[in-house]
N, C-alpha and C. Protein backbone atom coordinates (compact mmCIF):
# COMPACT_ATOMS: atom_id res chain seq x y z
N UNK A 1 21.23 -47.59 -22.78
CA UNK A 1 21.43 -48.92 -22.56
C UNK A 1 20.78 -49.86 -23.91
N UNK A 2 21.62 -51.37 -23.84
CA UNK A 2 21.11 -52.22 -24.96
C UNK A 2 20.28 -52.82 -24.54
N UNK A 3 19.22 -52.94 -25.60
CA UNK A 3 17.96 -53.97 -24.73
C UNK A 3 18.85 -55.48 -25.20
N UNK A 4 17.77 -56.72 -24.17
CA UNK A 4 18.30 -58.05 -24.55
C UNK A 4 18.29 -58.56 -25.78
N UNK A 5 19.23 -59.09 -26.05
CA UNK A 5 19.34 -59.35 -27.97
C UNK A 5 20.10 -58.75 -28.42
N UNK A 6 20.26 -57.21 -27.97
CA UNK A 6 20.46 -56.11 -29.24
C UNK A 6 22.26 -56.18 -29.00
N UNK A 7 22.80 -56.04 -30.40
CA UNK A 7 24.12 -56.14 -29.72
C UNK A 7 24.61 -54.35 -29.71
N UNK A 8 26.04 -54.45 -28.83
CA UNK A 8 26.19 -53.10 -28.27
C UNK A 8 27.55 -53.06 -29.16
N UNK A 9 27.82 -51.94 -30.04
CA UNK A 9 29.53 -51.71 -30.58
C UNK A 9 29.64 -49.99 -30.01
N UNK A 10 30.87 -50.51 -30.34
CA UNK A 10 31.48 -49.30 -29.48
C UNK A 10 32.89 -48.91 -30.11
N UNK A 11 33.37 -47.78 -30.22
CA UNK A 11 34.30 -47.49 -31.10
C UNK A 11 35.07 -46.62 -30.60
N UNK A 12 36.05 -46.56 -30.43
CA UNK A 12 37.04 -46.26 -29.76
C UNK A 12 37.87 -45.56 -30.53
N UNK A 13 37.99 -43.80 -30.41
CA UNK A 13 39.06 -43.17 -31.27
C UNK A 13 39.78 -42.82 -30.64
N UNK A 14 41.40 -42.72 -30.84
CA UNK A 14 42.63 -42.23 -30.27
C UNK A 14 42.00 -40.80 -29.86
N UNK A 15 42.32 -40.30 -28.97
CA UNK A 15 42.60 -38.80 -29.20
C UNK A 15 43.42 -38.09 -30.19
N UNK A 16 44.52 -39.10 -29.96
CA UNK A 16 45.78 -38.31 -31.23
C UNK A 16 46.31 -39.86 -31.89
N UNK A 17 45.63 -39.92 -33.09
CA UNK A 17 45.66 -41.00 -33.77
C UNK A 17 46.83 -41.46 -34.58
N UNK A 18 47.66 -42.38 -33.88
CA UNK A 18 49.19 -42.73 -34.54
C UNK A 18 49.83 -41.96 -34.43
N UNK A 19 49.85 -40.47 -34.13
CA UNK A 19 50.32 -39.50 -34.01
C UNK A 19 52.15 -39.51 -33.11
N UNK A 20 51.56 -40.13 -32.04
CA UNK A 20 52.88 -40.70 -31.42
C UNK A 20 53.66 -41.43 -32.07
N UNK A 21 53.10 -42.86 -32.47
CA UNK A 21 54.38 -43.23 -33.59
C UNK A 21 54.94 -42.73 -34.58
N UNK A 22 54.31 -41.97 -35.42
CA UNK A 22 55.10 -40.73 -36.51
C UNK A 22 55.88 -40.05 -35.52
N UNK A 23 55.76 -39.67 -34.17
CA UNK A 23 56.59 -38.55 -33.82
C UNK A 23 58.22 -39.20 -33.28
N UNK A 24 57.77 -40.41 -32.46
CA UNK A 24 58.68 -41.51 -32.72
C UNK A 24 59.36 -41.76 -33.41
N UNK A 25 59.11 -42.27 -34.92
CA UNK A 25 60.08 -42.62 -35.92
C UNK A 25 60.53 -41.53 -36.34
N UNK A 26 60.02 -40.17 -36.37
CA UNK A 26 60.67 -39.20 -37.01
C UNK A 26 61.80 -38.93 -35.97
N UNK A 27 61.72 -38.88 -34.83
CA UNK A 27 62.52 -38.70 -33.89
C UNK A 27 63.87 -39.41 -34.04
N UNK A 28 63.42 -40.85 -33.73
CA UNK A 28 64.62 -42.02 -34.09
C UNK A 28 65.34 -42.25 -35.36
N UNK A 29 64.48 -41.33 -36.46
CA UNK A 29 65.04 -40.66 -37.94
C UNK A 29 65.68 -39.77 -37.93
N UNK A 30 65.27 -38.74 -37.36
CA UNK A 30 66.64 -38.22 -37.20
C UNK A 30 67.62 -38.05 -35.99
N UNK A 31 67.70 -38.74 -34.76
CA UNK A 31 68.82 -39.65 -33.78
C UNK A 31 69.96 -39.96 -35.35
N UNK A 32 69.11 -40.68 -36.23
CA UNK A 32 70.19 -41.58 -37.28
C UNK A 32 70.55 -40.56 -38.39
N UNK A 33 69.84 -39.76 -38.80
CA UNK A 33 70.76 -38.86 -38.94
C UNK A 33 71.64 -38.14 -38.70
N UNK A 34 71.16 -37.62 -37.48
CA UNK A 34 72.40 -36.89 -36.75
C UNK A 34 73.65 -38.08 -36.14
N UNK A 35 73.43 -39.19 -35.96
CA UNK A 35 74.61 -40.04 -35.55
C UNK A 35 75.15 -40.45 -36.85
N UNK A 36 74.72 -40.06 -38.35
CA UNK A 36 75.39 -40.46 -39.16
C UNK A 36 76.43 -38.93 -39.70
N UNK A 37 75.77 -37.73 -39.30
CA UNK A 37 76.26 -36.54 -39.37
C UNK A 37 77.70 -36.43 -38.10
N UNK A 38 77.30 -37.40 -36.97
CA UNK A 38 78.29 -36.80 -35.70
C UNK A 38 79.49 -37.86 -36.59
N UNK A 39 78.95 -39.08 -36.87
CA UNK A 39 80.70 -39.86 -37.44
C UNK A 39 81.29 -39.39 -38.30
N UNK A 40 80.58 -38.59 -39.56
CA UNK A 40 81.49 -37.68 -40.19
C UNK A 40 82.37 -36.63 -40.09
N UNK A 41 82.22 -35.99 -38.63
CA UNK A 41 82.57 -35.10 -38.17
C UNK A 41 82.71 -35.15 -36.28
N UNK A 42 83.75 -35.59 -35.85
CA UNK A 42 83.54 -36.10 -34.07
C UNK A 42 84.77 -35.42 -33.65
N UNK A 43 84.89 -34.15 -33.48
CA UNK A 43 86.47 -33.07 -33.39
C UNK A 43 86.10 -33.25 -32.07
N UNK A 44 84.88 -33.61 -31.52
CA UNK A 44 84.76 -32.99 -29.94
C UNK A 44 84.47 -34.40 -29.32
N UNK A 45 85.51 -35.26 -29.85
CA UNK A 45 85.48 -37.09 -29.29
C UNK A 45 86.72 -36.96 -28.13
N UNK A 46 86.65 -36.45 -27.08
CA UNK A 46 87.83 -36.45 -26.38
C UNK A 46 87.88 -37.64 -25.38
N UNK A 47 88.63 -38.64 -25.08
CA UNK A 47 88.51 -39.38 -24.06
C UNK A 47 89.52 -39.41 -22.62
N UNK A 48 89.00 -39.19 -21.28
CA UNK A 48 90.07 -39.29 -20.25
C UNK A 48 90.91 -40.40 -20.27
N UNK A 49 92.07 -39.98 -20.30
CA UNK A 49 92.99 -41.47 -19.97
C UNK A 49 93.50 -41.67 -18.29
N UNK A 50 94.23 -42.63 -17.86
CA UNK A 50 93.98 -42.79 -16.40
C UNK A 50 95.07 -41.79 -16.00
N UNK A 51 96.03 -41.39 -16.36
CA UNK A 51 96.62 -39.86 -15.65
C UNK A 51 95.41 -38.47 -15.92
N UNK A 52 94.51 -38.52 -16.24
CA UNK A 52 93.81 -37.31 -16.11
C UNK A 52 93.94 -36.14 -17.13
N UNK A 53 94.56 -36.49 -18.82
CA UNK A 53 94.87 -35.84 -19.52
C UNK A 53 93.46 -36.54 -20.26
N UNK A 54 93.28 -35.40 -21.33
CA UNK A 54 92.15 -35.66 -22.55
C UNK A 54 93.32 -36.68 -23.92
N UNK A 55 92.86 -37.51 -23.91
CA UNK A 55 93.30 -38.10 -25.55
C UNK A 55 92.33 -37.75 -26.52
N UNK A 56 92.03 -37.35 -27.61
CA UNK A 56 91.40 -37.30 -28.75
C UNK A 56 91.33 -38.89 -29.68
N UNK A 57 90.39 -39.03 -29.90
CA UNK A 57 90.12 -39.99 -30.98
C UNK A 57 90.28 -39.86 -32.35
N UNK A 58 90.46 -38.52 -32.07
CA UNK A 58 90.68 -37.94 -33.90
C UNK A 58 92.21 -37.91 -33.98
N UNK A 59 92.85 -37.59 -33.12
CA UNK A 59 94.17 -37.05 -33.64
C UNK A 59 95.02 -38.69 -34.15
N UNK A 60 95.95 -38.56 -34.51
CA UNK A 60 97.07 -38.90 -35.36
C UNK A 60 96.61 -40.04 -36.62
N UNK A 61 96.42 -41.42 -36.73
CA UNK A 61 95.91 -42.09 -37.84
C UNK A 61 95.15 -42.78 -37.66
N UNK A 62 94.24 -43.17 -36.48
CA UNK A 62 93.43 -43.71 -35.68
C UNK A 62 92.17 -43.60 -36.41
N UNK A 63 91.87 -44.27 -36.77
CA UNK A 63 90.29 -44.50 -37.94
C UNK A 63 89.03 -44.47 -37.08
N UNK A 64 88.44 -43.07 -36.73
CA UNK A 64 87.27 -43.03 -35.85
C UNK A 64 86.43 -44.04 -35.93
N UNK A 65 86.28 -44.12 -36.96
CA UNK A 65 84.80 -44.78 -37.39
C UNK A 65 85.35 -46.49 -37.01
N UNK A 66 86.12 -46.99 -36.82
CA UNK A 66 86.51 -48.38 -36.47
C UNK A 66 86.77 -48.36 -34.83
N UNK A 67 86.51 -47.03 -33.96
CA UNK A 67 87.14 -47.22 -32.59
C UNK A 67 85.96 -47.92 -31.97
N UNK A 68 86.57 -49.32 -31.01
CA UNK A 68 85.62 -49.45 -30.11
C UNK A 68 84.74 -48.35 -29.36
N UNK A 69 85.86 -47.69 -28.79
CA UNK A 69 84.83 -46.52 -27.70
C UNK A 69 83.53 -45.74 -28.18
N UNK A 70 84.19 -45.45 -29.61
CA UNK A 70 83.06 -44.55 -30.50
C UNK A 70 81.82 -45.24 -30.19
N UNK A 71 81.90 -46.42 -30.72
CA UNK A 71 80.64 -47.77 -31.00
C UNK A 71 80.25 -47.80 -29.47
N UNK A 72 80.60 -47.80 -28.39
CA UNK A 72 80.02 -48.09 -27.05
C UNK A 72 79.32 -46.43 -26.82
N UNK A 73 79.52 -45.37 -27.44
CA UNK A 73 79.51 -44.22 -27.12
C UNK A 73 78.01 -43.98 -28.09
N UNK A 74 78.13 -44.50 -28.77
CA UNK A 74 76.71 -44.41 -29.97
C UNK A 74 75.36 -45.21 -29.58
N UNK A 75 76.39 -46.04 -29.28
CA UNK A 75 75.14 -46.93 -28.59
C UNK A 75 74.31 -47.12 -27.41
N UNK A 76 75.24 -45.69 -26.23
CA UNK A 76 74.30 -44.94 -25.51
C UNK A 76 73.87 -43.99 -25.63
N UNK A 77 74.25 -43.34 -26.72
CA UNK A 77 73.65 -42.32 -27.27
C UNK A 77 72.35 -42.77 -27.90
N UNK A 78 72.36 -43.86 -28.71
CA UNK A 78 70.52 -44.57 -29.00
C UNK A 78 69.84 -44.73 -28.08
N UNK A 79 70.65 -45.18 -26.99
CA UNK A 79 69.31 -45.68 -25.68
C UNK A 79 69.30 -44.44 -25.11
N UNK A 80 69.86 -43.27 -24.79
CA UNK A 80 69.69 -42.19 -24.42
C UNK A 80 68.55 -41.68 -25.13
N UNK A 81 68.32 -41.54 -26.45
CA UNK A 81 67.86 -40.72 -27.24
C UNK A 81 66.25 -41.64 -27.52
N UNK A 82 66.59 -42.88 -26.98
CA UNK A 82 65.01 -43.51 -27.09
C UNK A 82 64.56 -43.63 -25.75
N UNK A 83 65.04 -43.29 -24.70
CA UNK A 83 64.67 -42.90 -23.54
C UNK A 83 64.01 -41.45 -23.86
N UNK A 84 64.78 -40.15 -24.13
CA UNK A 84 63.72 -39.33 -24.26
C UNK A 84 62.53 -39.68 -25.26
N UNK A 85 62.26 -40.31 -26.06
CA UNK A 85 61.12 -40.53 -26.98
C UNK A 85 60.20 -41.06 -26.17
N UNK A 86 61.02 -41.98 -25.14
CA UNK A 86 59.74 -42.95 -24.49
C UNK A 86 59.18 -42.15 -23.54
N UNK A 87 59.70 -40.81 -22.90
CA UNK A 87 59.68 -39.79 -21.94
C UNK A 87 58.98 -38.91 -22.17
N UNK A 88 59.06 -38.64 -23.49
CA UNK A 88 58.35 -37.52 -24.08
C UNK A 88 56.24 -38.17 -24.16
N UNK A 89 56.75 -39.42 -24.93
CA UNK A 89 55.34 -39.86 -24.50
C UNK A 89 54.18 -40.25 -22.87
N UNK A 90 55.31 -40.70 -22.36
CA UNK A 90 54.78 -40.93 -21.11
C UNK A 90 54.45 -39.23 -20.73
N UNK A 91 54.71 -38.68 -20.76
CA UNK A 91 54.58 -37.17 -20.23
C UNK A 91 53.16 -36.68 -20.89
N UNK A 92 53.17 -37.39 -22.52
CA UNK A 92 51.59 -36.96 -23.05
C UNK A 92 50.57 -37.99 -22.61
N UNK A 93 50.58 -39.06 -22.77
CA UNK A 93 50.03 -40.12 -21.59
C UNK A 93 49.68 -39.48 -20.23
N UNK A 94 50.09 -39.33 -19.30
CA UNK A 94 50.09 -38.87 -18.49
C UNK A 94 49.28 -37.16 -18.33
N UNK A 95 49.77 -36.66 -19.06
CA UNK A 95 48.84 -35.42 -19.55
C UNK A 95 47.06 -35.42 -19.54
N UNK A 96 47.16 -36.76 -21.03
CA UNK A 96 45.62 -37.43 -21.04
C UNK A 96 44.89 -37.52 -19.69
N UNK A 97 45.61 -38.22 -19.11
CA UNK A 97 45.01 -39.03 -17.87
C UNK A 97 44.46 -37.41 -16.79
N UNK A 98 45.32 -36.93 -16.98
CA UNK A 98 45.30 -36.13 -15.76
C UNK A 98 44.15 -35.18 -16.38
N UNK A 99 44.75 -34.55 -17.26
CA UNK A 99 43.68 -33.40 -18.30
C UNK A 99 42.41 -33.50 -18.56
N UNK A 100 42.15 -34.78 -19.53
CA UNK A 100 41.34 -35.06 -20.07
C UNK A 100 40.46 -36.30 -19.45
N UNK A 101 40.99 -37.87 -19.00
CA UNK A 101 40.39 -38.74 -18.48
C UNK A 101 40.10 -38.65 -17.43
N UNK A 102 40.76 -38.36 -16.37
CA UNK A 102 40.41 -37.92 -14.38
C UNK A 102 38.76 -36.71 -14.75
N UNK A 103 38.90 -35.71 -15.45
CA UNK A 103 37.66 -35.31 -15.26
C UNK A 103 36.06 -35.81 -15.91
N UNK A 104 36.57 -36.53 -17.02
CA UNK A 104 35.52 -37.24 -17.80
C UNK A 104 35.02 -38.07 -16.47
N UNK A 105 35.78 -39.08 -16.32
CA UNK A 105 35.72 -40.16 -15.35
C UNK A 105 34.29 -39.60 -13.77
N UNK A 106 34.58 -37.93 -13.63
CA UNK A 106 33.70 -37.35 -12.08
C UNK A 106 32.89 -36.51 -12.91
N UNK A 107 32.65 -36.66 -13.62
CA UNK A 107 31.85 -35.70 -14.45
C UNK A 107 30.52 -36.04 -13.85
N UNK A 108 30.02 -35.05 -13.42
CA UNK A 108 28.37 -35.37 -12.73
C UNK A 108 27.34 -34.72 -13.89
N UNK A 109 27.90 -34.20 -14.48
CA UNK A 109 26.53 -33.95 -15.75
C UNK A 109 26.69 -34.07 -16.96
N UNK A 110 27.03 -35.33 -16.98
CA UNK A 110 27.33 -36.27 -18.29
C UNK A 110 26.34 -37.26 -18.08
N UNK A 111 25.32 -37.67 -18.85
CA UNK A 111 24.14 -38.94 -19.13
C UNK A 111 24.45 -39.82 -18.27
N UNK A 112 24.20 -40.30 -17.16
CA UNK A 112 24.07 -41.77 -16.81
C UNK A 112 25.30 -40.98 -15.57
N UNK A 113 25.80 -40.00 -15.02
CA UNK A 113 25.80 -39.28 -14.58
C UNK A 113 27.47 -39.50 -14.31
N UNK A 114 28.17 -39.40 -12.97
CA UNK A 114 29.79 -40.03 -12.91
C UNK A 114 30.63 -41.46 -13.45
N UNK A 115 31.57 -41.61 -13.98
CA UNK A 115 31.81 -43.29 -14.20
C UNK A 115 32.12 -44.13 -13.30
N UNK A 116 32.74 -43.30 -12.31
CA UNK A 116 32.70 -43.16 -11.05
C UNK A 116 33.09 -42.26 -9.87
N UNK A 117 32.58 -43.06 -8.57
CA UNK A 117 32.81 -41.95 -7.74
C UNK A 117 33.77 -41.52 -7.60
N UNK A 118 33.71 -39.92 -6.90
CA UNK A 118 34.95 -39.17 -6.90
C UNK A 118 35.98 -40.05 -5.90
N UNK A 119 35.72 -40.54 -4.85
CA UNK A 119 36.46 -41.33 -3.64
C UNK A 119 37.57 -42.43 -4.55
N UNK A 120 36.24 -43.24 -5.43
CA UNK A 120 36.86 -43.87 -6.51
C UNK A 120 37.99 -44.04 -7.59
N UNK A 121 37.39 -42.57 -7.78
CA UNK A 121 38.04 -42.16 -9.14
C UNK A 121 39.59 -41.51 -8.38
N UNK A 122 39.78 -41.24 -7.44
CA UNK A 122 40.61 -40.50 -6.58
C UNK A 122 41.92 -41.69 -6.67
N UNK A 123 41.13 -42.97 -6.13
CA UNK A 123 41.91 -44.36 -5.70
C UNK A 123 42.77 -44.31 -6.62
N UNK A 124 42.09 -44.71 -8.25
CA UNK A 124 42.05 -45.59 -9.26
C UNK A 124 43.25 -44.73 -9.62
N UNK A 125 42.98 -42.91 -9.79
CA UNK A 125 43.61 -41.91 -10.57
C UNK A 125 45.41 -41.66 -9.30
N UNK A 126 44.92 -41.91 -8.27
CA UNK A 126 45.91 -42.12 -7.48
C UNK A 126 46.57 -40.42 -7.54
N UNK A 127 48.15 -40.56 -7.32
CA UNK A 127 49.16 -39.18 -7.52
C UNK A 127 49.44 -38.99 -8.98
N UNK A 128 48.86 -39.80 -9.82
CA UNK A 128 49.06 -39.45 -10.90
C UNK A 128 49.63 -37.83 -11.60
N UNK A 129 48.34 -36.85 -10.71
CA UNK A 129 48.84 -35.21 -10.91
C UNK A 129 50.58 -35.44 -10.85
N UNK A 130 50.38 -36.11 -9.16
CA UNK A 130 51.91 -35.34 -8.88
C UNK A 130 53.09 -36.21 -9.39
N UNK A 131 52.86 -37.01 -10.51
CA UNK A 131 53.51 -37.67 -11.02
C UNK A 131 53.35 -36.89 -12.59
N UNK A 132 52.86 -36.39 -12.93
CA UNK A 132 52.56 -36.08 -14.69
C UNK A 132 53.22 -34.53 -13.93
N UNK A 133 53.21 -33.51 -13.13
CA UNK A 133 54.27 -32.65 -12.62
C UNK A 133 55.35 -32.69 -12.29
N UNK A 134 55.93 -33.78 -12.13
CA UNK A 134 57.24 -33.68 -11.50
C UNK A 134 57.91 -34.37 -12.88
N UNK A 135 57.38 -34.76 -14.25
CA UNK A 135 57.93 -35.28 -15.41
C UNK A 135 58.05 -34.19 -16.42
N UNK A 136 57.09 -33.36 -15.95
CA UNK A 136 56.43 -32.16 -16.67
C UNK A 136 57.68 -31.40 -16.79
N UNK A 137 57.85 -31.04 -15.27
CA UNK A 137 59.11 -29.81 -15.15
C UNK A 137 60.71 -30.80 -15.66
N UNK A 138 60.64 -31.96 -16.13
CA UNK A 138 61.37 -32.28 -16.37
C UNK A 138 62.45 -32.27 -17.58
N UNK A 139 60.95 -32.55 -18.29
CA UNK A 139 60.87 -32.43 -20.25
C UNK A 139 61.44 -31.24 -20.49
N UNK A 140 61.55 -29.87 -19.85
CA UNK A 140 62.59 -28.72 -20.76
C UNK A 140 63.68 -29.87 -20.37
N UNK A 141 64.23 -29.80 -19.53
CA UNK A 141 65.99 -30.52 -19.05
C UNK A 141 66.39 -31.64 -20.13
N UNK A 142 65.18 -32.62 -20.40
CA UNK A 142 65.80 -33.72 -21.34
C UNK A 142 65.70 -32.79 -22.86
N UNK A 143 64.99 -32.17 -23.10
CA UNK A 143 64.96 -31.55 -24.50
C UNK A 143 66.03 -30.83 -24.46
N UNK A 144 66.71 -30.18 -23.63
CA UNK A 144 68.24 -28.87 -24.29
C UNK A 144 69.20 -30.39 -24.20
N UNK A 145 69.04 -31.43 -23.40
CA UNK A 145 70.06 -31.94 -23.13
C UNK A 145 69.97 -32.81 -24.67
N UNK A 146 69.01 -33.04 -25.46
CA UNK A 146 69.17 -33.76 -26.58
C UNK A 146 69.40 -33.13 -28.06
N UNK A 147 69.01 -31.72 -27.52
CA UNK A 147 69.51 -30.43 -28.57
C UNK A 147 70.45 -30.59 -28.61
N UNK A 148 71.52 -30.40 -27.69
CA UNK A 148 72.61 -30.03 -27.39
C UNK A 148 73.83 -31.18 -26.71
N UNK A 149 73.17 -32.32 -26.78
CA UNK A 149 73.71 -33.22 -26.88
C UNK A 149 75.49 -33.82 -27.48
N UNK A 150 76.20 -33.77 -26.75
CA UNK A 150 77.77 -34.24 -26.86
C UNK A 150 77.69 -35.33 -26.93
N UNK A 151 78.75 -36.29 -27.90
CA UNK A 151 79.12 -37.74 -27.69
C UNK A 151 79.63 -38.00 -26.57
N UNK A 152 80.67 -36.86 -26.74
CA UNK A 152 81.65 -37.38 -25.20
C UNK A 152 81.40 -37.16 -24.04
N UNK A 153 80.59 -35.85 -24.01
CA UNK A 153 80.38 -35.19 -22.88
C UNK A 153 79.03 -34.90 -21.95
N UNK A 154 77.98 -35.32 -22.82
CA UNK A 154 76.91 -35.47 -22.09
C UNK A 154 76.58 -36.47 -21.83
N UNK A 155 75.63 -35.94 -20.01
CA UNK A 155 75.33 -37.26 -19.05
C UNK A 155 73.90 -37.27 -18.69
N UNK A 156 73.16 -38.09 -18.80
CA UNK A 156 71.79 -37.48 -17.98
C UNK A 156 71.71 -37.72 -16.86
N UNK A 157 72.67 -38.21 -16.12
CA UNK A 157 72.65 -38.27 -14.64
C UNK A 157 73.30 -36.82 -14.49
N UNK A 158 73.29 -35.97 -15.02
CA UNK A 158 73.02 -34.27 -14.84
C UNK A 158 72.19 -33.86 -14.45
N UNK A 159 71.07 -34.32 -14.71
CA UNK A 159 69.55 -34.45 -14.99
C UNK A 159 68.90 -34.81 -13.82
N UNK A 160 69.37 -35.87 -13.45
CA UNK A 160 68.58 -36.64 -12.81
C UNK A 160 69.17 -37.02 -11.32
N UNK A 161 69.07 -35.42 -10.81
CA UNK A 161 69.83 -35.52 -9.50
C UNK A 161 69.18 -36.27 -8.38
N UNK A 162 69.99 -36.07 -7.12
CA UNK A 162 69.46 -37.23 -6.15
C UNK A 162 67.75 -36.73 -5.69
N UNK A 163 68.04 -35.31 -5.63
CA UNK A 163 66.71 -34.59 -5.15
C UNK A 163 65.59 -34.82 -5.75
N UNK A 164 65.94 -34.72 -7.18
CA UNK A 164 64.97 -35.05 -8.25
C UNK A 164 64.91 -36.70 -7.87
N UNK A 165 65.36 -37.84 -7.34
CA UNK A 165 64.95 -39.21 -7.60
C UNK A 165 64.73 -39.33 -6.06
N UNK A 166 64.81 -38.85 -5.33
CA UNK A 166 63.55 -38.61 -3.98
C UNK A 166 62.19 -37.94 -4.16
N UNK A 167 62.47 -36.86 -4.76
CA UNK A 167 60.96 -36.77 -5.17
C UNK A 167 60.58 -37.90 -6.02
N UNK A 168 61.04 -38.34 -6.83
CA UNK A 168 60.25 -39.44 -7.98
C UNK A 168 59.75 -40.01 -6.88
N UNK A 169 60.86 -41.05 -5.50
CA UNK A 169 59.82 -41.73 -4.83
C UNK A 169 59.11 -41.20 -4.17
N UNK A 170 58.85 -40.27 -3.72
CA UNK A 170 58.00 -39.56 -2.79
C UNK A 170 56.73 -39.80 -3.29
N UNK A 171 56.25 -38.82 -4.74
CA UNK A 171 55.54 -39.05 -5.46
C UNK A 171 54.85 -40.23 -6.03
N UNK A 172 55.57 -41.41 -5.45
CA UNK A 172 54.98 -42.71 -6.86
C UNK A 172 54.68 -43.73 -5.75
N UNK A 173 55.19 -43.13 -4.45
CA UNK A 173 54.90 -44.56 -3.28
C UNK A 173 53.22 -44.17 -2.49
């Protein structure tokens, strides 16, 4: 404890110093380089027509680089890849809170005893364990979708099905 008149200096060091930002930046850089490559070879870009047939944007003389649909799909892909990065960061934060911070808060063997009594810590940390488990289970599916992304066919909704959304509601309320 600091005496009256003494200054108390705290230094907080993050457990992962700025590595998250570098990972995010490198992921976005990887995304941008992948997007450039996909612009160069977009043979998989087929769009449904009203009668159900597929029309390829690469057929004929139409320039794929200038198509409005291509631009929309690339913007969509960028937003989804940003979601993947955000979700990975979120899971890492939840992992830290559940596996490191919570045990430290309730540790009775530390000098001065626990930071919070167990009942208060349980209230503060609430359902973080269940939320972490759910998002950690989703992570491999997101990673697979990201690694096998197809500009025209991939859909985030295939991962986030109704049963998972119901479970998200259950663990977060």
